[in-house]
């Protein structure tokens, strides 16, 4: 009973600690560079020329992942009802395999999209 109460604050504490360390070290690095006389333009991450917008890449990858999962469920049902493969093997196997194929196709399409722009 007591472990459920402890887990949630520990998770939030870890997330807070990681964020705090990230921002405090970034601030210290920037202050050290400013003291040495570095330009402030190095702190701004500029967009590369020809880079596709982030939202297009995310939507493309999510769409291909969901398409892969949908096709996998269909293929899994064909395996179960036509070929007699066990449900516990057919569905997870095809879902993971075709979801991975969908993400791989999304990766290659993203690379092509960035080259094209």
PDB file of N, CA and C in Angstrom:
ATOM      1  N   UNK A   1       0.822  -1.200   0.000  1.00  0.00           N
ATOM      2  CA  UNK A   1       0.000   0.000   0.000  1.00  0.00           C
ATOM      3  C   UNK A   1       0.864   1.261   0.000  1.00  0.00           C
ATOM      4  N   UNK A   2       1.927   1.250   0.746  1.00  0.00           N
ATOM      5  CA  UNK A   2       2.763   2.439   0.852  1.00  0.00           C
ATOM      6  C   UNK A   2       3.611   2.703  -0.376  1.00  0.00           C
ATOM      7  N   UNK A   3       3.886   1.656  -1.153  1.00  0.00           N
ATOM      8  CA  UNK A   3       4.751   1.850  -2.314  1.00  0.00           C
ATOM      9  C   UNK A   3       4.081   2.681  -3.399  1.00  0.00           C
ATOM     10  N   UNK A   4       2.735   2.609  -3.518  1.00  0.00           N
ATOM     11  CA  UNK A   4       2.040   3.415  -4.519  1.00  0.00           C
ATOM     12  C   UNK A   4       2.161   4.900  -4.207  1.00  0.00           C
ATOM     13  N   UNK A   5       2.208   5.221  -2.936  1.00  0.00           N
ATOM     14  CA  UNK A   5       2.296   6.618  -2.529  1.00  0.00           C
ATOM     15  C   UNK A   5       3.697   7.163  -2.797  1.00  0.00           C
ATOM     16  N   UNK A   6       4.697   6.330  -2.736  1.00  0.00           N
ATOM     17  CA  UNK A   6       6.075   6.778  -2.892  1.00  0.00           C
ATOM     18  C   UNK A   6       6.474   6.884  -4.363  1.00  0.00           C
ATOM     19  N   UNK A   7       5.934   6.052  -5.215  1.00  0.00           N
ATOM     20  CA  UNK A   7       6.371   5.992  -6.610  1.00  0.00           C
ATOM     21  C   UNK A   7       6.102   7.292  -7.358  1.00  0.00           C
ATOM     22  N   UNK A   8       4.928   7.869  -7.217  1.00  0.00           N
ATOM     23  CA  UNK A   8       4.576   9.082  -7.955  1.00  0.00           C
ATOM     24  C   UNK A   8       5.480  10.261  -7.611  1.00  0.00           C
ATOM     25  N   UNK A   9       5.728  10.564  -6.323  1.00  0.00           N
ATOM     26  CA  UNK A   9       6.663  11.666  -6.045  1.00  0.00           C
ATOM     27  C   UNK A   9       8.088  11.396  -6.531  1.00  0.00           C
ATOM     28  N   UNK A  10       8.501  10.139  -6.517  1.00  0.00           N
ATOM     29  CA  UNK A  10       9.840   9.809  -6.999  1.00  0.00           C
ATOM     30  C   UNK A  10       9.935  10.081  -8.496  1.00  0.00           C
ATOM     31  N   UNK A  11       8.903   9.708  -9.249  1.00  0.00           N
ATOM     32  CA  UNK A  11       8.909   9.956 -10.695  1.00  0.00           C
ATOM     33  C   UNK A  11       8.965  11.447 -10.980  1.00  0.00           C
ATOM     34  N   UNK A  12       8.129  12.241 -10.295  1.00  0.00           N
ATOM     35  CA  UNK A  12       8.152  13.681 -10.510  1.00  0.00           C
ATOM     36  C   UNK A  12       9.475  14.289 -10.051  1.00  0.00           C
ATOM     37  N   UNK A  13      10.054  13.766  -8.982  1.00  0.00           N
ATOM     38  CA  UNK A  13      11.339  14.256  -8.506  1.00  0.00           C
ATOM     39  C   UNK A  13      12.454  14.007  -9.509  1.00  0.00           C
ATOM     40  N   UNK A  14      12.451  12.834 -10.118  1.00  0.00           N
ATOM     41  CA  UNK A  14      13.467  12.516 -11.117  1.00  0.00           C
ATOM     42  C   UNK A  14      13.319  13.425 -12.334  1.00  0.00           C
ATOM     43  N   UNK A  15      12.089  13.629 -12.793  1.00  0.00           N
ATOM     44  CA  UNK A  15      11.859  14.519 -13.936  1.00  0.00           C
ATOM     45  C   UNK A  15      12.314  15.937 -13.611  1.00  0.00           C
ATOM     46  N   UNK A  16      11.986  16.421 -12.404  1.00  0.00           N
ATOM     47  CA  UNK A  16      12.412  17.755 -12.002  1.00  0.00           C
ATOM     48  C   UNK A  16      13.931  17.849 -11.922  1.00  0.00           C
ATOM     49  N   UNK A  17      14.581  16.829 -11.366  1.00  0.00           N
ATOM     50  CA  UNK A  17      16.039  16.851 -11.225  1.00  0.00           C
ATOM     51  C   UNK A  17      16.728  16.875 -12.588  1.00  0.00           C
ATOM     52  N   UNK A  18      16.226  16.099 -13.531  1.00  0.00           N
ATOM     53  CA  UNK A  18      16.821  16.090 -14.867  1.00  0.00           C
ATOM     54  C   UNK A  18      16.662  17.453 -15.534  1.00  0.00           C
ATOM     55  N   UNK A  19      15.461  18.031 -15.435  1.00  0.00           N
ATOM     56  CA  UNK A  19      15.232  19.351 -16.024  1.00  0.00           C
ATOM     57  C   UNK A  19      16.110  20.408 -15.356  1.00  0.00           C
ATOM     58  N   UNK A  20      16.217  20.354 -14.026  1.00  0.00           N
ATOM     59  CA  UNK A  20      17.036  21.326 -13.310  1.00  0.00           C
ATOM     60  C   UNK A  20      18.501  21.222 -13.716  1.00  0.00           C
ATOM     61  N   UNK A  21      19.023  20.011 -13.771  1.00  0.00           N
ATOM     62  CA  UNK A  21      20.417  19.838 -14.175  1.00  0.00           C
ATOM     63  C   UNK A  21      20.656  20.314 -15.603  1.00  0.00           C
ATOM     64  N   UNK A  22      19.726  20.024 -16.484  1.00  0.00           N
ATOM     65  CA  UNK A  22      19.879  20.442 -17.874  1.00  0.00           C
ATOM     66  C   UNK A  22      19.947  21.964 -17.981  1.00  0.00           C
ATOM     67  N   UNK A  23      18.987  22.651 -17.374  1.00  0.00           N
ATOM     68  CA  UNK A  23      18.942  24.106 -17.512  1.00  0.00           C
ATOM     69  C   UNK A  23      20.051  24.794 -16.731  1.00  0.00           C
ATOM     70  N   UNK A  24      20.425  24.268 -15.583  1.00  0.00           N
ATOM     71  CA  UNK A  24      21.488  24.930 -14.814  1.00  0.00           C
ATOM     72  C   UNK A  24      22.840  24.770 -15.494  1.00  0.00           C
ATOM     73  N   UNK A  25      23.124  23.589 -16.034  1.00  0.00           N
ATOM     74  CA  UNK A  25      24.409  23.430 -16.727  1.00  0.00           C
ATOM     75  C   UNK A  25      24.441  24.219 -18.025  1.00  0.00           C
ATOM     76  N   UNK A  26      23.312  24.303 -18.716  1.00  0.00           N
ATOM     77  CA  UNK A  26      23.265  25.098 -19.945  1.00  0.00           C
ATOM     78  C   UNK A  26      23.525  26.563 -19.630  1.00  0.00           C
ATOM     79  N   UNK A  27      22.941  27.041 -18.520  1.00  0.00           N
ATOM     80  CA  UNK A  27      23.143  28.427 -18.127  1.00  0.00           C
ATOM     81  C   UNK A  27      24.613  28.682 -17.768  1.00  0.00           C
ATOM     82  N   UNK A  28      25.222  27.747 -17.045  1.00  0.00           N
ATOM     83  CA  UNK A  28      26.630  27.917 -16.671  1.00  0.00           C
ATOM     84  C   UNK A  28      27.537  27.909 -17.901  1.00  0.00           C
ATOM     85  N   UNK A  29      27.254  27.042 -18.855  1.00  0.00           N
ATOM     86  CA  UNK A  29      28.055  27.003 -20.077  1.00  0.00           C
ATOM     87  C   UNK A  29      27.931  28.309 -20.848  1.00  0.00           C
ATOM     88  N   UNK A  30      26.725  28.815 -20.932  1.00  0.00           N
ATOM     89  CA  UNK A  30      26.520  30.074 -21.663  1.00  0.00           C
ATOM     90  C   UNK A  30      27.210  31.232 -20.982  1.00  0.00           C
ATOM     91  N   UNK A  31      27.121  31.277 -19.650  1.00  0.00           N
ATOM     92  CA  UNK A  31      27.812  32.352 -18.925  1.00  0.00           C
ATOM     93  C   UNK A  31      29.319  32.275 -19.120  1.00  0.00           C
ATOM     94  N   UNK A  32      29.864  31.066 -19.135  1.00  0.00           N
ATOM     95  CA  UNK A  32      31.301  30.912 -19.346  1.00  0.00           C
ATOM     96  C   UNK A  32      31.695  31.366 -20.751  1.00  0.00           C
ATOM     97  N   UNK A  33      30.890  31.057 -21.743  1.00  0.00           N
ATOM     98  CA  UNK A  33      31.191  31.492 -23.109  1.00  0.00           C
ATOM     99  C   UNK A  33      31.076  33.008 -23.245  1.00  0.00           C
ATOM    100  N   UNK A  34      30.096  33.599 -22.572  1.00  0.00           N
ATOM    101  CA  UNK A  34      29.942  35.058 -22.632  1.00  0.00           C
ATOM    102  C   UNK A  34      31.135  35.734 -21.966  1.00  0.00           C
ATOM    103  N   UNK A  35      31.615  35.172 -20.857  1.00  0.00           N
ATOM    104  CA  UNK A  35      32.781  35.756 -20.183  1.00  0.00           C
ATOM    105  C   UNK A  35      34.017  35.714 -21.069  1.00  0.00           C
ATOM    106  N   UNK A  36      34.113  34.692 -21.904  1.00  0.00           N
ATOM    107  CA  UNK A  36      35.256  34.594 -22.808  1.00  0.00           C
ATOM    108  C   UNK A  36      35.096  35.465 -24.044  1.00  0.00           C
ATOM    109  N   UNK A  37      33.917  36.064 -24.215  1.00  0.00           N
ATOM    110  CA  UNK A  37      33.703  36.967 -25.329  1.00  0.00           C
ATOM    111  C   UNK A  37      33.121  36.320 -26.568  1.00  0.00           C
ATOM    112  N   UNK A  38      32.459  35.199 -26.426  1.00  0.00           N
ATOM    113  CA  UNK A  38      31.852  34.530 -27.582  1.00  0.00           C
ATOM    114  C   UNK A  38      30.603  35.287 -28.021  1.00  0.00           C
ATOM    115  N   UNK A  39      30.255  35.138 -29.281  1.00  0.00           N
ATOM    116  CA  UNK A  39      29.067  35.797 -29.814  1.00  0.00           C
ATOM    117  C   UNK A  39      27.801  35.132 -29.292  1.00  0.00           C
ATOM    118  N   UNK A  40      26.744  35.900 -29.192  1.00  0.00           N
ATOM    119  CA  UNK A  40      25.473  35.354 -28.721  1.00  0.00           C
ATOM    120  C   UNK A  40      24.760  34.559 -29.803  1.00  0.00           C
ATOM    121  N   UNK A  41      25.193  34.670 -31.039  1.00  0.00           N
ATOM    122  CA  UNK A  41      24.519  33.970 -32.133  1.00  0.00           C
ATOM    123  C   UNK A  41      24.710  32.459 -32.047  1.00  0.00           C
ATOM    124  N   UNK A  42      25.703  31.987 -31.313  1.00  0.00           N
ATOM    125  CA  UNK A  42      25.898  30.544 -31.205  1.00  0.00           C
ATOM    126  C   UNK A  42      24.829  29.895 -30.327  1.00  0.00           C
ATOM    127  N   UNK A  43      24.105  30.695 -29.538  1.00  0.00           N
ATOM    128  CA  UNK A  43      23.068  30.142 -28.680  1.00  0.00           C
ATOM    129  C   UNK A  43      21.765  29.905 -29.426  1.00  0.00           C
ATOM    130  N   UNK A  44      21.587  30.550 -30.530  1.00  0.00           N
ATOM    131  CA  UNK A  44      20.357  30.411 -31.304  1.00  0.00           C
ATOM    132  C   UNK A  44      20.550  29.288 -32.308  1.00  0.00           C
ATOM    133  N   UNK A  45      19.703  28.303 -32.221  1.00  0.00           N
ATOM    134  CA  UNK A  45      19.793  27.200 -33.174  1.00  0.00           C
ATOM    135  C   UNK A  45      19.071  27.613 -34.440  1.00  0.00           C
ATOM    136  N   UNK A  46      19.807  27.872 -35.467  1.00  0.00           N
ATOM    137  CA  UNK A  46      19.218  28.284 -36.722  1.00  0.00           C
ATOM    138  C   UNK A  46      18.699  27.094 -37.509  1.00  0.00           C
ATOM    139  N   UNK A  47      17.661  27.315 -38.275  1.00  0.00           N
ATOM    140  CA  UNK A  47      17.136  26.251 -39.137  1.00  0.00           C
ATOM    141  C   UNK A  47      18.040  26.088 -40.329  1.00  0.00           C
ATOM    142  N   UNK A  48      18.225  24.852 -40.697  1.00  0.00           N
ATOM    143  CA  UNK A  48      19.005  24.591 -41.902  1.00  0.00           C
ATOM    144  C   UNK A  48      18.169  24.959 -43.114  1.00  0.00           C
ATOM    145  N   UNK A  49      18.839  25.376 -44.136  1.00  0.00           N
ATOM    146  CA  UNK A  49      18.147  25.652 -45.386  1.00  0.00           C
ATOM    147  C   UNK A  49      17.675  24.331 -45.979  1.00  0.00           C
ATOM    148  N   UNK A  50      16.444  24.299 -46.410  1.00  0.00           N
ATOM    149  CA  UNK A  50      15.909  23.104 -47.038  1.00  0.00           C
ATOM    150  C   UNK A  50      15.392  22.059 -46.068  1.00  0.00           C
ATOM    151  N   UNK A  51      15.375  22.369 -44.771  1.00  0.00           N
ATOM    152  CA  UNK A  51      14.876  21.400 -43.794  1.00  0.00           C
ATOM    153  C   UNK A  51      13.349  21.445 -43.769  1.00  0.00           C
ATOM    154  N   UNK A  52      12.736  20.287 -43.701  1.00  0.00           N
ATOM    155  CA  UNK A  52      11.280  20.208 -43.642  1.00  0.00           C
ATOM    156  C   UNK A  52      10.810  20.639 -42.259  1.00  0.00           C
ATOM    157  N   UNK A  53       9.623  21.234 -42.171  1.00  0.00           N
ATOM    158  CA  UNK A  53       9.092  21.611 -40.852  1.00  0.00           C
ATOM    159  C   UNK A  53       8.908  20.385 -39.966  1.00  0.00           C
ATOM    160  N   UNK A  54       9.089  20.590 -38.685  1.00  0.00           N
ATOM    161  CA  UNK A  54       9.018  19.496 -37.713  1.00  0.00           C
ATOM    162  C   UNK A  54       7.659  18.815 -37.723  1.00  0.00           C
ATOM    163  N   UNK A  55       6.586  19.589 -37.854  1.00  0.00           N
ATOM    164  CA  UNK A  55       5.243  19.013 -37.790  1.00  0.00           C
ATOM    165  C   UNK A  55       4.976  18.082 -38.964  1.00  0.00           C
ATOM    166  N   UNK A  56       5.564  18.376 -40.117  1.00  0.00           N
ATOM    167  CA  UNK A  56       5.372  17.488 -41.268  1.00  0.00           C
ATOM    168  C   UNK A  56       6.023  16.131 -41.020  1.00  0.00           C
ATOM    169  N   UNK A  57       7.184  16.145 -40.432  1.00  0.00           N
ATOM    170  CA  UNK A  57       7.900  14.913 -40.148  1.00  0.00           C
ATOM    171  C   UNK A  57       7.145  14.078 -39.114  1.00  0.00           C
ATOM    172  N   UNK A  58       6.644  14.726 -38.071  1.00  0.00           N
ATOM    173  CA  UNK A  58       5.915  14.011 -37.020  1.00  0.00           C
ATOM    174  C   UNK A  58       4.639  13.400 -37.576  1.00  0.00           C
ATOM    175  N   UNK A  59       3.888  14.177 -38.334  1.00  0.00           N
ATOM    176  CA  UNK A  59       2.638  13.667 -38.898  1.00  0.00           C
ATOM    177  C   UNK A  59       2.906  12.525 -39.869  1.00  0.00           C
ATOM    178  N   UNK A  60       3.937  12.641 -40.682  1.00  0.00           N
ATOM    179  CA  UNK A  60       4.281  11.577 -41.621  1.00  0.00           C
ATOM    180  C   UNK A  60       4.620  10.284 -40.891  1.00  0.00           C
ATOM    181  N   UNK A  61       5.441  10.370 -39.847  1.00  0.00           N
ATOM    182  CA  UNK A  61       5.835   9.173 -39.119  1.00  0.00           C
ATOM    183  C   UNK A  61       4.673   8.561 -38.341  1.00  0.00           C
ATOM    184  N   UNK A  62       3.832   9.382 -37.734  1.00  0.00           N
ATOM    185  CA  UNK A  62       2.674   8.847 -37.004  1.00  0.00           C
ATOM    186  C   UNK A  62       1.697   8.193 -37.973  1.00  0.00           C
ATOM    187  N   UNK A  63       1.477   8.818 -39.117  1.00  0.00           N
ATOM    188  CA  UNK A  63       0.555   8.247 -40.102  1.00  0.00           C
ATOM    189  C   UNK A  63       1.059   6.900 -40.605  1.00  0.00           C
ATOM    190  N   UNK A  64       2.336   6.812 -40.924  1.00  0.00           N
ATOM    191  CA  UNK A  64       2.870   5.543 -41.410  1.00  0.00           C
ATOM    192  C   UNK A  64       2.896   4.479 -40.314  1.00  0.00           C
ATOM    193  N   UNK A  65       3.116   4.879 -39.073  1.00  0.00           N
ATOM    194  CA  UNK A  65       3.054   3.929 -37.966  1.00  0.00           C
ATOM    195  C   UNK A  65       1.648   3.367 -37.808  1.00  0.00           C
ATOM    196  N   UNK A  66       0.644   4.230 -37.854  1.00  0.00           N
ATOM    197  CA  UNK A  66      -0.737   3.772 -37.713  1.00  0.00           C
ATOM    198  C   UNK A  66      -1.180   2.929 -38.905  1.00  0.00           C
ATOM    199  N   UNK A  67      -0.729   3.287 -40.093  1.00  0.00           N
ATOM    200  CA  UNK A  67      -1.032   2.465 -41.271  1.00  0.00           C
ATOM    201  C   UNK A  67      -0.407   1.085 -41.107  1.00  0.00           C
ATOM    202  N   UNK A  68       0.835   1.043 -40.634  1.00  0.00           N
ATOM    203  CA  UNK A  68       1.503  -0.235 -40.406  1.00  0.00           C
ATOM    204  C   UNK A  68       0.783  -1.084 -39.381  1.00  0.00           C
ATOM    205  N   UNK A  69       0.285  -0.476 -38.313  1.00  0.00           N
ATOM    206  CA  UNK A  69      -0.448  -1.222 -37.289  1.00  0.00           C
ATOM    207  C   UNK A  69      -1.771  -1.734 -37.843  1.00  0.00           C
ATOM    208  N   UNK A  70      -2.464  -0.911 -38.625  1.00  0.00           N
ATOM    209  CA  UNK A  70      -3.732  -1.351 -39.222  1.00  0.00           C
ATOM    210  C   UNK A  70      -3.556  -2.509 -40.185  1.00  0.00           C
ATOM    211  N   UNK A  71      -2.547  -2.411 -41.021  1.00  0.00           N
ATOM    212  CA  UNK A  71      -2.271  -3.505 -41.959  1.00  0.00           C
ATOM    213  C   UNK A  71      -1.850  -4.753 -41.192  1.00  0.00           C
ATOM    214  N   UNK A  72      -1.120  -4.578 -40.106  1.00  0.00           N
ATOM    215  CA  UNK A  72      -0.670  -5.716 -39.306  1.00  0.00           C
ATOM    216  C   UNK A  72      -1.845  -6.447 -38.665  1.00  0.00           C
ATOM    217  N   UNK A  73      -2.822  -5.725 -38.190  1.00  0.00           N
ATOM    218  CA  UNK A  73      -4.004  -6.385 -37.617  1.00  0.00           C
ATOM    219  C   UNK A  73      -4.736  -7.169 -38.692  1.00  0.00           C
ATOM    220  N   UNK A  74      -4.832  -6.595 -39.879  1.00  0.00           N
ATOM    221  CA  UNK A  74      -5.479  -7.293 -40.985  1.00  0.00           C
ATOM    222  C   UNK A  74      -4.697  -8.556 -41.362  1.00  0.00           C
ATOM    223  N   UNK A  75      -3.389  -8.451 -41.492  1.00  0.00           N
ATOM    224  CA  UNK A  75      -2.559  -9.607 -41.841  1.00  0.00           C
ATOM    225  C   UNK A  75      -2.597 -10.643 -40.722  1.00  0.00           C
ATOM    226  N   UNK A  76      -2.606 -10.180 -39.470  1.00  0.00           N
ATOM    227  CA  UNK A  76      -2.696 -11.100 -38.340  1.00  0.00           C
ATOM    228  C   UNK A  76      -3.991 -11.888 -38.351  1.00  0.00           C
ATOM    229  N   UNK A  77      -5.102 -11.227 -38.683  1.00  0.00           N
ATOM    230  CA  UNK A  77      -6.378 -11.949 -38.746  1.00  0.00           C
ATOM    231  C   UNK A  77      -6.392 -12.949 -39.905  1.00  0.00           C
ATOM    232  N   UNK A  78      -5.738 -12.611 -41.009  1.00  0.00           N
ATOM    233  CA  UNK A  78      -5.617 -13.578 -42.119  1.00  0.00           C
ATOM    234  C   UNK A  78      -4.801 -14.787 -41.672  1.00  0.00           C
ATOM    235  N   UNK A  79      -3.721 -14.548 -40.933  1.00  0.00           N
ATOM    236  CA  UNK A  79      -2.896 -15.652 -40.450  1.00  0.00           C
ATOM    237  C   UNK A  79      -3.672 -16.556 -39.489  1.00  0.00           C
ATOM    238  N   UNK A  80      -4.496 -15.946 -38.637  1.00  0.00           N
ATOM    239  CA  UNK A  80      -5.241 -16.725 -37.647  1.00  0.00           C
ATOM    240  C   UNK A  80      -6.334 -17.544 -38.310  1.00  0.00           C
ATOM    241  N   UNK A  81      -7.142 -16.897 -39.135  1.00  0.00           N
ATOM    242  CA  UNK A  81      -8.333 -17.577 -39.659  1.00  0.00           C
ATOM    243  C   UNK A  81      -8.070 -18.411 -40.902  1.00  0.00           C
ATOM    244  N   UNK A  82      -7.055 -18.093 -41.680  1.00  0.00           N
ATOM    245  CA  UNK A  82      -6.787 -18.862 -42.897  1.00  0.00           C
ATOM    246  C   UNK A  82      -5.722 -19.936 -42.690  1.00  0.00           C
ATOM    247  N   UNK A  83      -4.684 -19.592 -41.938  1.00  0.00           N
ATOM    248  CA  UNK A  83      -3.563 -20.516 -41.802  1.00  0.00           C
ATOM    249  C   UNK A  83      -3.499 -21.201 -40.447  1.00  0.00           C
ATOM    250  N   UNK A  84      -4.368 -20.832 -39.509  1.00  0.00           N
ATOM    251  CA  UNK A  84      -4.428 -21.497 -38.218  1.00  0.00           C
ATOM    252  C   UNK A  84      -3.296 -21.157 -37.270  1.00  0.00           C
ATOM    253  N   UNK A  85      -2.642 -20.021 -37.460  1.00  0.00           N
ATOM    254  CA  UNK A  85      -1.575 -19.590 -36.553  1.00  0.00           C
ATOM    255  C   UNK A  85      -2.227 -19.126 -35.249  1.00  0.00           C
ATOM    256  N   UNK A  86      -1.552 -19.380 -34.123  1.00  0.00           N
ATOM    257  CA  UNK A  86      -2.094 -18.967 -32.827  1.00  0.00           C
ATOM    258  C   UNK A  86      -2.253 -17.451 -32.759  1.00  0.00           C
ATOM    259  N   UNK A  87      -3.328 -17.014 -32.115  1.00  0.00           N
ATOM    260  CA  UNK A  87      -3.556 -15.566 -31.984  1.00  0.00           C
ATOM    261  C   UNK A  87      -2.449 -14.879 -31.211  1.00  0.00           C
ATOM    262  N   UNK A  88      -1.951 -15.530 -30.171  1.00  0.00           N
ATOM    263  CA  UNK A  88      -0.897 -14.946 -29.337  1.00  0.00           C
ATOM    264  C   UNK A  88       0.415 -14.737 -30.066  1.00  0.00           C
ATOM    265  N   UNK A  89       0.565 -15.412 -31.197  1.00  0.00           N
ATOM    266  CA  UNK A  89       1.781 -15.254 -31.992  1.00  0.00           C
ATOM    267  C   UNK A  89       1.527 -14.354 -33.191  1.00  0.00           C
ATOM    268  N   UNK A  90       0.393 -14.538 -33.827  1.00  0.00           N
ATOM    269  CA  UNK A  90       0.123 -13.842 -35.091  1.00  0.00           C
ATOM    270  C   UNK A  90      -0.035 -12.331 -34.893  1.00  0.00           C
ATOM    271  N   UNK A  91      -0.872 -11.927 -33.958  1.00  0.00           N
ATOM    272  CA  UNK A  91      -1.145 -10.494 -33.808  1.00  0.00           C
ATOM    273  C   UNK A  91       0.063  -9.692 -33.322  1.00  0.00           C
ATOM    274  N   UNK A  92       0.696 -10.053 -32.206  1.00  0.00           N
ATOM    275  CA  UNK A  92       1.856  -9.231 -31.781  1.00  0.00           C
ATOM    276  C   UNK A  92       3.007  -9.274 -32.784  1.00  0.00           C
ATOM    277  N   UNK A  93       3.234 -10.436 -33.371  1.00  0.00           N
ATOM    278  CA  UNK A  93       4.335 -10.537 -34.334  1.00  0.00           C
ATOM    279  C   UNK A  93       4.137  -9.647 -35.535  1.00  0.00           C
ATOM    280  N   UNK A  94       2.949  -9.680 -36.117  1.00  0.00           N
ATOM    281  CA  UNK A  94       2.721  -8.844 -37.296  1.00  0.00           C
ATOM    282  C   UNK A  94       2.617  -7.370 -36.930  1.00  0.00           C
ATOM    283  N   UNK A  95       2.062  -7.065 -35.770  1.00  0.00           N
ATOM    284  CA  UNK A  95       1.952  -5.647 -35.379  1.00  0.00           C
ATOM    285  C   UNK A  95       3.340  -5.042 -35.199  1.00  0.00           C
ATOM    286  N   UNK A  96       4.214  -5.724 -34.455  1.00  0.00           N
ATOM    287  CA  UNK A  96       5.554  -5.171 -34.244  1.00  0.00           C
ATOM    288  C   UNK A  96       6.354  -5.109 -35.541  1.00  0.00           C
ATOM    289  N   UNK A  97       6.223  -6.143 -36.365  1.00  0.00           N
ATOM    290  CA  UNK A  97       6.990  -6.165 -37.609  1.00  0.00           C
ATOM    291  C   UNK A  97       6.542  -5.061 -38.563  1.00  0.00           C
ATOM    292  N   UNK A  98       5.243  -4.948 -38.786  1.00  0.00           N
ATOM    293  CA  UNK A  98       4.773  -3.955 -39.748  1.00  0.00           C
ATOM    294  C   UNK A  98       4.809  -2.536 -39.188  1.00  0.00           C
ATOM    295  N   UNK A  99       4.729  -2.378 -37.865  1.00  0.00           N
ATOM    296  CA  UNK A  99       4.924  -1.044 -37.285  1.00  0.00           C
ATOM    297  C   UNK A  99       6.370  -0.603 -37.492  1.00  0.00           C
ATOM    298  N   UNK A 100       7.313  -1.527 -37.330  1.00  0.00           N
ATOM    299  CA  UNK A 100       8.715  -1.213 -37.598  1.00  0.00           C
ATOM    300  C   UNK A 100       8.956  -0.892 -39.054  1.00  0.00           C
ATOM    301  N   UNK A 101       8.303  -1.627 -39.949  1.00  0.00           N
ATOM    302  CA  UNK A 101       8.429  -1.342 -41.380  1.00  0.00           C
ATOM    303  C   UNK A 101       7.856   0.046 -41.686  1.00  0.00           C
ATOM    304  N   UNK A 102       6.729   0.384 -41.058  1.00  0.00           N
ATOM    305  CA  UNK A 102       6.143   1.712 -41.256  1.00  0.00           C
ATOM    306  C   UNK A 102       7.065   2.821 -40.790  1.00  0.00           C
ATOM    307  N   UNK A 103       7.725   2.622 -39.646  1.00  0.00           N
ATOM    308  CA  UNK A 103       8.665   3.632 -39.165  1.00  0.00           C
ATOM    309  C   UNK A 103       9.897   3.724 -40.058  1.00  0.00           C
ATOM    310  N   UNK A 104      10.349   2.601 -40.583  1.00  0.00           N
ATOM    311  CA  UNK A 104      11.484   2.616 -41.499  1.00  0.00           C
ATOM    312  C   UNK A 104      11.137   3.348 -42.791  1.00  0.00           C
ATOM    313  N   UNK A 105       9.950   3.101 -43.312  1.00  0.00           N
ATOM    314  CA  UNK A 105       9.495   3.817 -44.509  1.00  0.00           C
ATOM    315  C   UNK A 105       9.370   5.313 -44.206  1.00  0.00           C
ATOM    316  N   UNK A 106       8.865   5.649 -43.012  1.00  0.00           N
ATOM    317  CA  UNK A 106       8.772   7.052 -42.609  1.00  0.00           C
ATOM    318  C   UNK A 106      10.134   7.719 -42.528  1.00  0.00           C
ATOM    319  N   UNK A 107      11.118   6.977 -42.044  1.00  0.00           N
ATOM    320  CA  UNK A 107      12.486   7.519 -41.972  1.00  0.00           C
ATOM    321  C   UNK A 107      13.039   7.813 -43.357  1.00  0.00           C
ATOM    322  N   UNK A 108      12.865   6.865 -44.269  1.00  0.00           N
ATOM    323  CA  UNK A 108      13.381   7.089 -45.622  1.00  0.00           C
ATOM    324  C   UNK A 108      12.625   8.209 -46.330  1.00  0.00           C
ATOM    325  N   UNK A 109      11.314   8.297 -46.106  1.00  0.00           N
ATOM    326  CA  UNK A 109      10.543   9.386 -46.718  1.00  0.00           C
ATOM    327  C   UNK A 109      10.949  10.732 -46.132  1.00  0.00           C
ATOM    328  N   UNK A 110      11.273  10.765 -44.844  1.00  0.00           N
ATOM    329  CA  UNK A 110      11.720  12.007 -44.213  1.00  0.00           C
ATOM    330  C   UNK A 110      13.055  12.443 -44.799  1.00  0.00           C
ATOM    331  N   UNK A 111      13.967  11.498 -44.999  1.00  0.00           N
ATOM    332  CA  UNK A 111      15.256  11.854 -45.601  1.00  0.00           C
ATOM    333  C   UNK A 111      15.050  12.400 -47.008  1.00  0.00           C
ATOM    334  N   UNK A 112      14.156  11.777 -47.768  1.00  0.00           N
ATOM    335  CA  UNK A 112      13.886  12.247 -49.127  1.00  0.00           C
ATOM    336  C   UNK A 112      13.218  13.623 -49.099  1.00  0.00           C
ATOM    337  N   UNK A 113      12.322  13.845 -48.129  1.00  0.00           N
ATOM    338  CA  UNK A 113      11.634  15.127 -48.008  1.00  0.00           C
ATOM    339  C   UNK A 113      12.619  16.243 -47.680  1.00  0.00           C
ATOM    340  N   UNK A 114      13.605  15.956 -46.830  1.00  0.00           N
ATOM    341  CA  UNK A 114      14.595  16.974 -46.486  1.00  0.00           C
ATOM    342  C   UNK A 114      15.528  17.265 -47.650  1.00  0.00           C
ATOM    343  N   UNK A 115      15.858  16.248 -48.432  1.00  0.00           N
ATOM    344  CA  UNK A 115      16.701  16.477 -49.618  1.00  0.00           C
ATOM    345  C   UNK A 115      15.971  17.288 -50.664  1.00  0.00           C
ATOM    346  N   UNK A 116      14.676  17.027 -50.793  1.00  0.00           N
ATOM    347  CA  UNK A 116      13.876  17.648 -51.845  1.00  0.00           C
ATOM    348  C   UNK A 116      13.706  19.143 -51.634  1.00  0.00           C
ATOM    349  N   UNK A 117      13.518  19.573 -50.372  1.00  0.00           N
ATOM    350  CA  UNK A 117      13.266  20.992 -50.102  1.00  0.00           C
ATOM    351  C   UNK A 117      14.462  21.827 -50.227  1.00  0.00           C
TER     352      UNK A 117
END
